[in-house]
Amino acid sequence: MPFGYEAREMEERKKQEKSFGGYKKQYVTVDTTITADGKMIPKKIHFDSYHSYEIDKVLEMRRAASLKVGGNGIRYTVRILNKQTYLYFDDGEFKWFVEAKEGQK
């Protein structure tokens, strides 16, 4: 039976792998620029060492919840490769996440 650090690590992994109707919460690394007035502007999303995407444009920033995978924070509506999608910054955990389809990275 795991305890201490191992138990916390297993619980965190379960949270990350939780499925919501074909979607999962996937934490990602994001290159950001912070402006003089404190706004975070995402520039590039890194899914892993092989998959990175430049953000063409930030269309909107607002506080919102993810209805597909749960969680809330600042929702960025962004355009990547001429497709509109959402990128979330969970300001409670200070992590970025996306709503990824099950079985995809």
PDB file of N, CA and C in Angstrom:
ATOM      1  N   MET A   1       0.847  -1.184   0.000  1.00  0.00           N
ATOM      2  CA  MET A   1       0.000   0.000   0.000  1.00  0.00           C
ATOM      3  C   MET A   1       0.886   1.239   0.000  1.00  0.00           C
ATOM      4  N   PRO A   2       0.727   2.098  -1.011  1.00  0.00           N
ATOM      5  CA  PRO A   2       1.547   3.304  -1.068  1.00  0.00           C
ATOM      6  C   PRO A   2       1.132   4.309   0.005  1.00  0.00           C
ATOM      7  N   PHE A   3       2.075   5.083   0.449  1.00  0.00           N
ATOM      8  CA  PHE A   3       1.797   6.125   1.426  1.00  0.00           C
ATOM      9  C   PHE A   3       2.731   7.299   1.174  1.00  0.00           C
ATOM     10  N   GLY A   4       2.434   8.435   1.800  1.00  0.00           N
ATOM     11  CA  GLY A   4       3.282   9.602   1.657  1.00  0.00           C
ATOM     12  C   GLY A   4       3.340  10.111   0.224  1.00  0.00           C
ATOM     13  N   TYR A   5       4.548  10.329  -0.247  1.00  0.00           N
ATOM     14  CA  TYR A   5       4.768  10.894  -1.577  1.00  0.00           C
ATOM     15  C   TYR A   5       4.172  10.020  -2.675  1.00  0.00           C
ATOM     16  N   GLU A   6       4.314   8.684  -2.568  1.00  0.00           N
ATOM     17  CA  GLU A   6       3.785   7.769  -3.597  1.00  0.00           C
ATOM     18  C   GLU A   6       2.276   7.866  -3.696  1.00  0.00           C
ATOM     19  N   ALA A   7       1.592   7.975  -2.581  1.00  0.00           N
ATOM     20  CA  ALA A   7       0.133   8.083  -2.585  1.00  0.00           C
ATOM     21  C   ALA A   7      -0.306   9.383  -3.257  1.00  0.00           C
ATOM     22  N   ARG A   8       0.376  10.486  -2.944  1.00  0.00           N
ATOM     23  CA  ARG A   8       0.036  11.765  -3.572  1.00  0.00           C
ATOM     24  C   ARG A   8       0.280  11.712  -5.076  1.00  0.00           C
ATOM     25  N   GLU A   9       1.376  11.070  -5.468  1.00  0.00           N
ATOM     26  CA  GLU A   9       1.697  10.947  -6.896  1.00  0.00           C
ATOM     27  C   GLU A   9       0.640  10.117  -7.629  1.00  0.00           C
ATOM     28  N   MET A  10       0.191   9.019  -7.021  1.00  0.00           N
ATOM     29  CA  MET A  10      -0.850   8.183  -7.631  1.00  0.00           C
ATOM     30  C   MET A  10      -2.164   8.956  -7.746  1.00  0.00           C
ATOM     31  N   GLU A  11      -2.507   9.719  -6.718  1.00  0.00           N
ATOM     32  CA  GLU A  11      -3.750  10.504  -6.734  1.00  0.00           C
ATOM     33  C   GLU A  11      -3.688  11.566  -7.836  1.00  0.00           C
ATOM     34  N   GLU A  12      -2.540  12.224  -7.985  1.00  0.00           N
ATOM     35  CA  GLU A  12      -2.371  13.226  -9.042  1.00  0.00           C
ATOM     36  C   GLU A  12      -2.506  12.587 -10.416  1.00  0.00           C
ATOM     37  N   ARG A  13      -1.933  11.408 -10.600  1.00  0.00           N
ATOM     38  CA  ARG A  13      -2.022  10.697 -11.881  1.00  0.00           C
ATOM     39  C   ARG A  13      -3.476  10.333 -12.186  1.00  0.00           C
ATOM     40  N   LYS A  14      -4.229   9.903 -11.169  1.00  0.00           N
ATOM     41  CA  LYS A  14      -5.645   9.579 -11.371  1.00  0.00           C
ATOM     42  C   LYS A  14      -6.425  10.804 -11.822  1.00  0.00           C
ATOM     43  N   LYS A  15      -6.147  11.955 -11.196  1.00  0.00           N
ATOM     44  CA  LYS A  15      -6.830  13.193 -11.580  1.00  0.00           C
ATOM     45  C   LYS A  15      -6.536  13.546 -13.027  1.00  0.00           C
ATOM     46  N   GLN A  16      -5.298  13.386 -13.442  1.00  0.00           N
ATOM     47  CA  GLN A  16      -4.907  13.738 -14.805  1.00  0.00           C
ATOM     48  C   GLN A  16      -5.508  12.798 -15.826  1.00  0.00           C
ATOM     49  N   GLU A  17      -5.731  11.537 -15.458  1.00  0.00           N
ATOM     50  CA  GLU A  17      -6.231  10.548 -16.404  1.00  0.00           C
ATOM     51  C   GLU A  17      -7.753  10.436 -16.407  1.00  0.00           C
ATOM     52  N   LYS A  18      -8.423  11.182 -15.555  1.00  0.00           N
ATOM     53  CA  LYS A  18      -9.876  11.118 -15.463  1.00  0.00           C
ATOM     54  C   LYS A  18     -10.506  11.459 -16.802  1.00  0.00           C
ATOM     55  N   SER A  19     -11.433  10.630 -17.262  1.00  0.00           N
ATOM     56  CA  SER A  19     -12.049  10.807 -18.576  1.00  0.00           C
ATOM     57  C   SER A  19     -13.434  11.439 -18.445  1.00  0.00           C
ATOM     58  N   PHE A  20     -13.753  12.326 -19.375  1.00  0.00           N
ATOM     59  CA  PHE A  20     -15.047  12.997 -19.406  1.00  0.00           C
ATOM     60  C   PHE A  20     -15.615  12.879 -20.814  1.00  0.00           C
ATOM     61  N   GLY A  21     -16.395  11.857 -21.092  1.00  0.00           N
ATOM     62  CA  GLY A  21     -17.086  11.737 -22.369  1.00  0.00           C
ATOM     63  C   GLY A  21     -16.192  11.824 -23.585  1.00  0.00           C
ATOM     64  N   GLY A  22     -15.112  11.082 -23.589  1.00  0.00           N
ATOM     65  CA  GLY A  22     -14.232  11.079 -24.748  1.00  0.00           C
ATOM     66  C   GLY A  22     -13.127  12.116 -24.699  1.00  0.00           C
ATOM     67  N   TYR A  23     -13.096  12.941 -23.660  1.00  0.00           N
ATOM     68  CA  TYR A  23     -12.057  13.954 -23.501  1.00  0.00           C
ATOM     69  C   TYR A  23     -11.333  13.749 -22.175  1.00  0.00           C
ATOM     70  N   LYS A  24     -10.104  14.209 -22.128  1.00  0.00           N
ATOM     71  CA  LYS A  24      -9.339  14.155 -20.881  1.00  0.00           C
ATOM     72  C   LYS A  24      -8.606  15.479 -20.699  1.00  0.00           C
ATOM     73  N   LYS A  25      -8.304  15.786 -19.455  1.00  0.00           N
ATOM     74  CA  LYS A  25      -7.532  16.985 -19.151  1.00  0.00           C
ATOM     75  C   LYS A  25      -6.067  16.634 -19.356  1.00  0.00           C
ATOM     76  N   GLN A  26      -5.418  17.349 -20.260  1.00  0.00           N
ATOM     77  CA  GLN A  26      -4.008  17.105 -20.521  1.00  0.00           C
ATOM     78  C   GLN A  26      -3.212  18.350 -20.152  1.00  0.00           C
ATOM     79  N   TYR A  27      -2.312  18.183 -19.203  1.00  0.00           N
ATOM     80  CA  TYR A  27      -1.451  19.294 -18.808  1.00  0.00           C
ATOM     81  C   TYR A  27      -0.364  19.469 -19.849  1.00  0.00           C
ATOM     82  N   VAL A  28      -0.057  20.707 -20.175  1.00  0.00           N
ATOM     83  CA  VAL A  28       0.915  21.035 -21.217  1.00  0.00           C
ATOM     84  C   VAL A  28       1.864  22.117 -20.705  1.00  0.00           C
ATOM     85  N   THR A  29       2.998  22.225 -21.384  1.00  0.00           N
ATOM     86  CA  THR A  29       3.946  23.304 -21.127  1.00  0.00           C
ATOM     87  C   THR A  29       3.662  24.411 -22.137  1.00  0.00           C
ATOM     88  N   VAL A  30       3.645  25.640 -21.671  1.00  0.00           N
ATOM     89  CA  VAL A  30       3.310  26.760 -22.544  1.00  0.00           C
ATOM     90  C   VAL A  30       4.374  27.848 -22.410  1.00  0.00           C
ATOM     91  N   ASP A  31       4.892  28.302 -23.555  1.00  0.00           N
ATOM     92  CA  ASP A  31       5.777  29.464 -23.574  1.00  0.00           C
ATOM     93  C   ASP A  31       4.886  30.694 -23.516  1.00  0.00           C
ATOM     94  N   THR A  32       5.160  31.583 -22.561  1.00  0.00           N
ATOM     95  CA  THR A  32       4.322  32.766 -22.401  1.00  0.00           C
ATOM     96  C   THR A  32       5.162  34.030 -22.350  1.00  0.00           C
ATOM     97  N   THR A  33       4.506  35.126 -22.655  1.00  0.00           N
ATOM     98  CA  THR A  33       5.070  36.454 -22.458  1.00  0.00           C
ATOM     99  C   THR A  33       4.204  37.123 -21.405  1.00  0.00           C
ATOM    100  N   ILE A  34       4.844  37.754 -20.440  1.00  0.00           N
ATOM    101  CA  ILE A  34       4.102  38.501 -19.422  1.00  0.00           C
ATOM    102  C   ILE A  34       4.323  39.979 -19.699  1.00  0.00           C
ATOM    103  N   THR A  35       3.218  40.687 -19.896  1.00  0.00           N
ATOM    104  CA  THR A  35       3.298  42.107 -20.243  1.00  0.00           C
ATOM    105  C   THR A  35       3.585  42.944 -18.991  1.00  0.00           C
ATOM    106  N   ALA A  36       3.878  44.216 -19.201  1.00  0.00           N
ATOM    107  CA  ALA A  36       4.185  45.129 -18.092  1.00  0.00           C
ATOM    108  C   ALA A  36       3.011  45.262 -17.123  1.00  0.00           C
ATOM    109  N   ASP A  37       1.776  45.090 -17.622  1.00  0.00           N
ATOM    110  CA  ASP A  37       0.617  45.184 -16.731  1.00  0.00           C
ATOM    111  C   ASP A  37       0.212  43.828 -16.141  1.00  0.00           C
ATOM    112  N   GLY A  38       1.033  42.791 -16.352  1.00  0.00           N
ATOM    113  CA  GLY A  38       0.823  41.506 -15.692  1.00  0.00           C
ATOM    114  C   GLY A  38       0.013  40.482 -16.459  1.00  0.00           C
ATOM    115  N   LYS A  39      -0.378  40.749 -17.682  1.00  0.00           N
ATOM    116  CA  LYS A  39      -1.140  39.774 -18.470  1.00  0.00           C
ATOM    117  C   LYS A  39      -0.216  38.705 -19.028  1.00  0.00           C
ATOM    118  N   MET A  40      -0.688  37.457 -18.993  1.00  0.00           N
ATOM    119  CA  MET A  40       0.058  36.353 -19.589  1.00  0.00           C
ATOM    120  C   MET A  40      -0.463  36.120 -20.995  1.00  0.00           C
ATOM    121  N   ILE A  41       0.435  36.144 -21.961  1.00  0.00           N
ATOM    122  CA  ILE A  41       0.074  35.907 -23.353  1.00  0.00           C
ATOM    123  C   ILE A  41       0.760  34.619 -23.803  1.00  0.00           C
ATOM    124  N   PRO A  42      -0.014  33.548 -24.045  1.00  0.00           N
ATOM    125  CA  PRO A  42       0.605  32.292 -24.494  1.00  0.00           C
ATOM    126  C   PRO A  42       1.121  32.413 -25.925  1.00  0.00           C
ATOM    127  N   LYS A  43       2.290  31.836 -26.189  1.00  0.00           N
ATOM    128  CA  LYS A  43       2.918  31.923 -27.507  1.00  0.00           C
ATOM    129  C   LYS A  43       3.072  30.566 -28.187  1.00  0.00           C
ATOM    130  N   LYS A  44       3.341  29.508 -27.405  1.00  0.00           N
ATOM    131  CA  LYS A  44       3.589  28.190 -27.980  1.00  0.00           C
ATOM    132  C   LYS A  44       3.198  27.120 -26.971  1.00  0.00           C
ATOM    133  N   ILE A  45       2.564  26.042 -27.467  1.00  0.00           N
ATOM    134  CA  ILE A  45       2.157  24.923 -26.616  1.00  0.00           C
ATOM    135  C   ILE A  45       3.050  23.731 -26.922  1.00  0.00           C
ATOM    136  N   HIS A  46       3.566  23.101 -25.863  1.00  0.00           N
ATOM    137  CA  HIS A  46       4.399  21.901 -25.990  1.00  0.00           C
ATOM    138  C   HIS A  46       3.641  20.730 -25.353  1.00  0.00           C
ATOM    139  N   PHE A  47       3.241  19.760 -26.189  1.00  0.00           N
ATOM    140  CA  PHE A  47       2.559  18.583 -25.665  1.00  0.00           C
ATOM    141  C   PHE A  47       3.568  17.577 -25.134  1.00  0.00           C
ATOM    142  N   ASP A  48       4.667  17.430 -25.823  1.00  0.00           N
ATOM    143  CA  ASP A  48       5.784  16.590 -25.401  1.00  0.00           C
ATOM    144  C   ASP A  48       7.001  17.061 -26.183  1.00  0.00           C
ATOM    145  N   SER A  49       8.086  16.319 -26.140  1.00  0.00           N
ATOM    146  CA  SER A  49       9.301  16.791 -26.808  1.00  0.00           C
ATOM    147  C   SER A  49       9.196  16.759 -28.329  1.00  0.00           C
ATOM    148  N   TYR A  50       8.172  16.093 -28.868  1.00  0.00           N
ATOM    149  CA  TYR A  50       8.015  15.978 -30.321  1.00  0.00           C
ATOM    150  C   TYR A  50       6.887  16.835 -30.892  1.00  0.00           C
ATOM    151  N   HIS A  51       5.940  17.247 -30.063  1.00  0.00           N
ATOM    152  CA  HIS A  51       4.758  17.947 -30.546  1.00  0.00           C
ATOM    153  C   HIS A  51       4.642  19.328 -29.898  1.00  0.00           C
ATOM    154  N   SER A  52       4.920  20.355 -30.689  1.00  0.00           N
ATOM    155  CA  SER A  52       4.793  21.751 -30.252  1.00  0.00           C
ATOM    156  C   SER A  52       4.054  22.533 -31.330  1.00  0.00           C
ATOM    157  N   TYR A  53       3.255  23.508 -30.900  1.00  0.00           N
ATOM    158  CA  TYR A  53       2.474  24.296 -31.849  1.00  0.00           C
ATOM    159  C   TYR A  53       2.549  25.775 -31.481  1.00  0.00           C
ATOM    160  N   GLU A  54       2.852  26.599 -32.469  1.00  0.00           N
ATOM    161  CA  GLU A  54       2.834  28.045 -32.301  1.00  0.00           C
ATOM    162  C   GLU A  54       1.378  28.511 -32.236  1.00  0.00           C
ATOM    163  N   ILE A  55       1.104  29.448 -31.362  1.00  0.00           N
ATOM    164  CA  ILE A  55      -0.221  30.050 -31.281  1.00  0.00           C
ATOM    165  C   ILE A  55      -0.235  31.227 -32.252  1.00  0.00           C
ATOM    166  N   ASP A  56      -1.110  31.138 -33.262  1.00  0.00           N
ATOM    167  CA  ASP A  56      -1.195  32.196 -34.266  1.00  0.00           C
ATOM    168  C   ASP A  56      -1.738  33.493 -33.674  1.00  0.00           C
ATOM    169  N   LYS A  57      -2.783  33.349 -32.854  1.00  0.00           N
ATOM    170  CA  LYS A  57      -3.415  34.540 -32.301  1.00  0.00           C
ATOM    171  C   LYS A  57      -4.225  34.177 -31.065  1.00  0.00           C
ATOM    172  N   VAL A  58      -4.208  35.051 -30.064  1.00  0.00           N
ATOM    173  CA  VAL A  58      -5.091  34.924 -28.902  1.00  0.00           C
ATOM    174  C   VAL A  58      -6.332  35.737 -29.221  1.00  0.00           C
ATOM    175  N   LEU A  59      -7.471  35.054 -29.289  1.00  0.00           N
ATOM    176  CA  LEU A  59      -8.721  35.715 -29.676  1.00  0.00           C
ATOM    177  C   LEU A  59      -9.483  36.281 -28.485  1.00  0.00           C
ATOM    178  N   GLU A  60      -9.371  35.594 -27.329  1.00  0.00           N
ATOM    179  CA  GLU A  60     -10.118  36.035 -26.152  1.00  0.00           C
ATOM    180  C   GLU A  60      -9.490  35.454 -24.894  1.00  0.00           C
ATOM    181  N   MET A  61      -9.615  36.202 -23.792  1.00  0.00           N
ATOM    182  CA  MET A  61      -9.184  35.767 -22.466  1.00  0.00           C
ATOM    183  C   MET A  61     -10.333  36.032 -21.512  1.00  0.00           C
ATOM    184  N   ARG A  62     -10.749  35.009 -20.769  1.00  0.00           N
ATOM    185  CA  ARG A  62     -11.831  35.220 -19.804  1.00  0.00           C
ATOM    186  C   ARG A  62     -11.796  34.124 -18.751  1.00  0.00           C
ATOM    187  N   ARG A  63     -12.370  34.391 -17.609  1.00  0.00           N
ATOM    188  CA  ARG A  63     -12.496  33.384 -16.560  1.00  0.00           C
ATOM    189  C   ARG A  63     -13.650  32.470 -16.950  1.00  0.00           C
ATOM    190  N   ALA A  64     -13.361  31.161 -16.997  1.00  0.00           N
ATOM    191  CA  ALA A  64     -14.394  30.210 -17.403  1.00  0.00           C
ATOM    192  C   ALA A  64     -14.027  28.812 -16.931  1.00  0.00           C
ATOM    193  N   ALA A  65     -15.016  27.942 -16.936  1.00  0.00           N
ATOM    194  CA  ALA A  65     -14.825  26.539 -16.572  1.00  0.00           C
ATOM    195  C   ALA A  65     -14.754  25.689 -17.833  1.00  0.00           C
ATOM    196  N   SER A  66     -14.014  24.599 -17.746  1.00  0.00           N
ATOM    197  CA  SER A  66     -13.991  23.632 -18.835  1.00  0.00           C
ATOM    198  C   SER A  66     -15.161  22.683 -18.632  1.00  0.00           C
ATOM    199  N   LEU A  67     -16.099  22.695 -19.557  1.00  0.00           N
ATOM    200  CA  LEU A  67     -17.268  21.822 -19.435  1.00  0.00           C
ATOM    201  C   LEU A  67     -16.969  20.399 -19.900  1.00  0.00           C
ATOM    202  N   LYS A  68     -15.906  20.222 -20.689  1.00  0.00           N
ATOM    203  CA  LYS A  68     -15.576  18.896 -21.209  1.00  0.00           C
ATOM    204  C   LYS A  68     -14.753  18.058 -20.243  1.00  0.00           C
ATOM    205  N   VAL A  69     -13.848  18.695 -19.481  1.00  0.00           N
ATOM    206  CA  VAL A  69     -12.944  17.918 -18.627  1.00  0.00           C
ATOM    207  C   VAL A  69     -12.924  18.375 -17.177  1.00  0.00           C
ATOM    208  N   GLY A  70     -13.708  19.371 -16.836  1.00  0.00           N
ATOM    209  CA  GLY A  70     -13.707  19.877 -15.468  1.00  0.00           C
ATOM    210  C   GLY A  70     -12.540  20.817 -15.233  1.00  0.00           C
ATOM    211  N   GLY A  71     -12.606  21.545 -14.169  1.00  0.00           N
ATOM    212  CA  GLY A  71     -11.574  22.514 -13.846  1.00  0.00           C
ATOM    213  C   GLY A  71     -11.959  23.894 -14.345  1.00  0.00           C
ATOM    214  N   ASN A  72     -11.300  24.893 -13.784  1.00  0.00           N
ATOM    215  CA  ASN A  72     -11.594  26.255 -14.217  1.00  0.00           C
ATOM    216  C   ASN A  72     -10.358  27.124 -14.064  1.00  0.00           C
ATOM    217  N   GLY A  73     -10.490  28.341 -14.473  1.00  0.00           N
ATOM    218  CA  GLY A  73      -9.385  29.290 -14.432  1.00  0.00           C
ATOM    219  C   GLY A  73      -9.553  30.297 -15.539  1.00  0.00           C
ATOM    220  N   ILE A  74      -8.446  30.684 -16.152  1.00  0.00           N
ATOM    221  CA  ILE A  74      -8.486  31.618 -17.262  1.00  0.00           C
ATOM    222  C   ILE A  74      -8.525  30.810 -18.557  1.00  0.00           C
ATOM    223  N   ARG A  75      -9.581  31.026 -19.347  1.00  0.00           N
ATOM    224  CA  ARG A  75      -9.701  30.325 -20.631  1.00  0.00           C
ATOM    225  C   ARG A  75      -9.231  31.255 -21.741  1.00  0.00           C
ATOM    226  N   TYR A  76      -8.257  30.773 -22.496  1.00  0.00           N
ATOM    227  CA  TYR A  76      -7.755  31.499 -23.651  1.00  0.00           C
ATOM    228  C   TYR A  76      -8.339  30.853 -24.896  1.00  0.00           C
ATOM    229  N   THR A  77      -9.044  31.621 -25.694  1.00  0.00           N
ATOM    230  CA  THR A  77      -9.487  31.155 -26.998  1.00  0.00           C
ATOM    231  C   THR A  77      -8.359  31.516 -27.952  1.00  0.00           C
ATOM    232  N   VAL A  78      -7.761  30.485 -28.552  1.00  0.00           N
ATOM    233  CA  VAL A  78      -6.590  30.712 -29.401  1.00  0.00           C
ATOM    234  C   VAL A  78      -6.800  30.106 -30.783  1.00  0.00           C
ATOM    235  N   ARG A  79      -6.020  30.608 -31.728  1.00  0.00           N
ATOM    236  CA  ARG A  79      -6.037  30.039 -33.076  1.00  0.00           C
ATOM    237  C   ARG A  79      -4.673  29.402 -33.325  1.00  0.00           C
ATOM    238  N   ILE A  80      -4.708  28.108 -33.680  1.00  0.00           N
ATOM    239  CA  ILE A  80      -3.498  27.347 -33.995  1.00  0.00           C
ATOM    240  C   ILE A  80      -3.737  26.663 -35.335  1.00  0.00           C
ATOM    241  N   LEU A  81      -2.875  26.906 -36.295  1.00  0.00           N
ATOM    242  CA  LEU A  81      -3.010  26.322 -37.643  1.00  0.00           C
ATOM    243  C   LEU A  81      -4.400  26.585 -38.222  1.00  0.00           C
ATOM    244  N   ASN A  82      -4.900  27.798 -38.034  1.00  0.00           N
ATOM    245  CA  ASN A  82      -6.214  28.240 -38.518  1.00  0.00           C
ATOM    246  C   ASN A  82      -7.388  27.494 -37.898  1.00  0.00           C
ATOM    247  N   LYS A  83      -7.187  26.884 -36.726  1.00  0.00           N
ATOM    248  CA  LYS A  83      -8.288  26.251 -35.994  1.00  0.00           C
ATOM    249  C   LYS A  83      -8.400  26.906 -34.626  1.00  0.00           C
ATOM    250  N   GLN A  84      -9.635  27.169 -34.246  1.00  0.00           N
ATOM    251  CA  GLN A  84      -9.893  27.784 -32.945  1.00  0.00           C
ATOM    252  C   GLN A  84     -10.002  26.694 -31.887  1.00  0.00           C
ATOM    253  N   THR A  85      -9.344  26.901 -30.746  1.00  0.00           N
ATOM    254  CA  THR A  85      -9.400  25.940 -29.646  1.00  0.00           C
ATOM    255  C   THR A  85      -9.245  26.682 -28.321  1.00  0.00           C
ATOM    256  N   TYR A  86      -9.380  25.962 -27.215  1.00  0.00           N
ATOM    257  CA  TYR A  86      -9.257  26.563 -25.891  1.00  0.00           C
ATOM    258  C   TYR A  86      -7.992  26.071 -25.207  1.00  0.00           C
ATOM    259  N   LEU A  87      -7.380  26.971 -24.474  1.00  0.00           N
ATOM    260  CA  LEU A  87      -6.231  26.684 -23.627  1.00  0.00           C
ATOM    261  C   LEU A  87      -6.573  27.272 -22.269  1.00  0.00           C
ATOM    262  N   TYR A  88      -6.384  26.498 -21.208  1.00  0.00           N
ATOM    263  CA  TYR A  88      -6.764  26.940 -19.869  1.00  0.00           C
ATOM    264  C   TYR A  88      -5.533  27.111 -18.987  1.00  0.00           C
ATOM    265  N   PHE A  89      -5.568  28.155 -18.156  1.00  0.00           N
ATOM    266  CA  PHE A  89      -4.572  28.320 -17.106  1.00  0.00           C
ATOM    267  C   PHE A  89      -5.295  28.165 -15.785  1.00  0.00           C
ATOM    268  N   ASP A  90      -5.001  27.076 -15.089  1.00  0.00           N
ATOM    269  CA  ASP A  90      -5.612  26.813 -13.787  1.00  0.00           C
ATOM    270  C   ASP A  90      -4.864  27.660 -12.761  1.00  0.00           C
ATOM    271  N   ASP A  91      -5.459  28.781 -12.366  1.00  0.00           N
ATOM    272  CA  ASP A  91      -4.761  29.692 -11.466  1.00  0.00           C
ATOM    273  C   ASP A  91      -4.746  29.212 -10.021  1.00  0.00           C
ATOM    274  N   GLY A  92      -5.423  28.120  -9.719  1.00  0.00           N
ATOM    275  CA  GLY A  92      -5.342  27.513  -8.388  1.00  0.00           C
ATOM    276  C   GLY A  92      -4.121  26.611  -8.268  1.00  0.00           C
ATOM    277  N   GLU A  93      -3.802  25.897  -9.360  1.00  0.00           N
ATOM    278  CA  GLU A  93      -2.658  24.987  -9.370  1.00  0.00           C
ATOM    279  C   GLU A  93      -1.479  25.530 -10.175  1.00  0.00           C
ATOM    280  N   PHE A  94      -1.679  26.642 -10.842  1.00  0.00           N
ATOM    281  CA  PHE A  94      -0.653  27.274 -11.681  1.00  0.00           C
ATOM    282  C   PHE A  94      -0.137  26.315 -12.753  1.00  0.00           C
ATOM    283  N   LYS A  95      -1.095  25.696 -13.459  1.00  0.00           N
ATOM    284  CA  LYS A  95      -0.776  24.766 -14.543  1.00  0.00           C
ATOM    285  C   LYS A  95      -1.627  25.103 -15.758  1.00  0.00           C
ATOM    286  N   TRP A  96      -1.084  24.832 -16.942  1.00  0.00           N
ATOM    287  CA  TRP A  96      -1.822  24.972 -18.201  1.00  0.00           C
ATOM    288  C   TRP A  96      -2.394  23.613 -18.575  1.00  0.00           C
ATOM    289  N   PHE A  97      -3.621  23.602 -19.153  1.00  0.00           N
ATOM    290  CA  PHE A  97      -4.174  22.356 -19.668  1.00  0.00           C
ATOM    291  C   PHE A  97      -5.041  22.598 -20.881  1.00  0.00           C
ATOM    292  N   VAL A  98      -5.258  21.523 -21.637  1.00  0.00           N
ATOM    293  CA  VAL A  98      -6.144  21.534 -22.797  1.00  0.00           C
ATOM    294  C   VAL A  98      -7.141  20.398 -22.651  1.00  0.00           C
ATOM    295  N   GLU A  99      -8.214  20.479 -23.428  1.00  0.00           N
ATOM    296  CA  GLU A  99      -9.217  19.413 -23.496  1.00  0.00           C
ATOM    297  C   GLU A  99      -8.813  18.505 -24.649  1.00  0.00           C
ATOM    298  N   ALA A 100      -8.141  17.402 -24.338  1.00  0.00           N
ATOM    299  CA  ALA A 100      -7.637  16.506 -25.366  1.00  0.00           C
ATOM    300  C   ALA A 100      -8.601  15.346 -25.589  1.00  0.00           C
ATOM    301  N   LYS A 101      -8.731  14.916 -26.825  1.00  0.00           N
ATOM    302  CA  LYS A 101      -9.551  13.749 -27.125  1.00  0.00           C
ATOM    303  C   LYS A 101      -8.847  12.510 -26.591  1.00  0.00           C
ATOM    304  N   GLU A 102      -9.636  11.562 -26.080  1.00  0.00           N
ATOM    305  CA  GLU A 102      -9.068  10.314 -25.571  1.00  0.00           C
ATOM    306  C   GLU A 102      -8.250   9.619 -26.648  1.00  0.00           C
ATOM    307  N   GLY A 103      -7.116   9.078 -26.276  1.00  0.00           N
ATOM    308  CA  GLY A 103      -6.274   8.354 -27.215  1.00  0.00           C
ATOM    309  C   GLY A 103      -5.341   9.238 -28.013  1.00  0.00           C
ATOM    310  N   GLN A 104      -5.379  10.559 -27.809  1.00  0.00           N
ATOM    311  CA  GLN A 104      -4.477  11.473 -28.515  1.00  0.00           C
ATOM    312  C   GLN A 104      -3.560  12.134 -27.516  1.00  0.00           C
ATOM    313  N   LYS A 105      -2.422  12.590 -28.021  1.00  0.00           N
ATOM    314  CA  LYS A 105      -1.485  13.336 -27.173  1.00  0.00           C
ATOM    315  C   LYS A 105      -1.778  14.800 -27.260  1.00  0.00           C
TER     316      LYS A 105
END
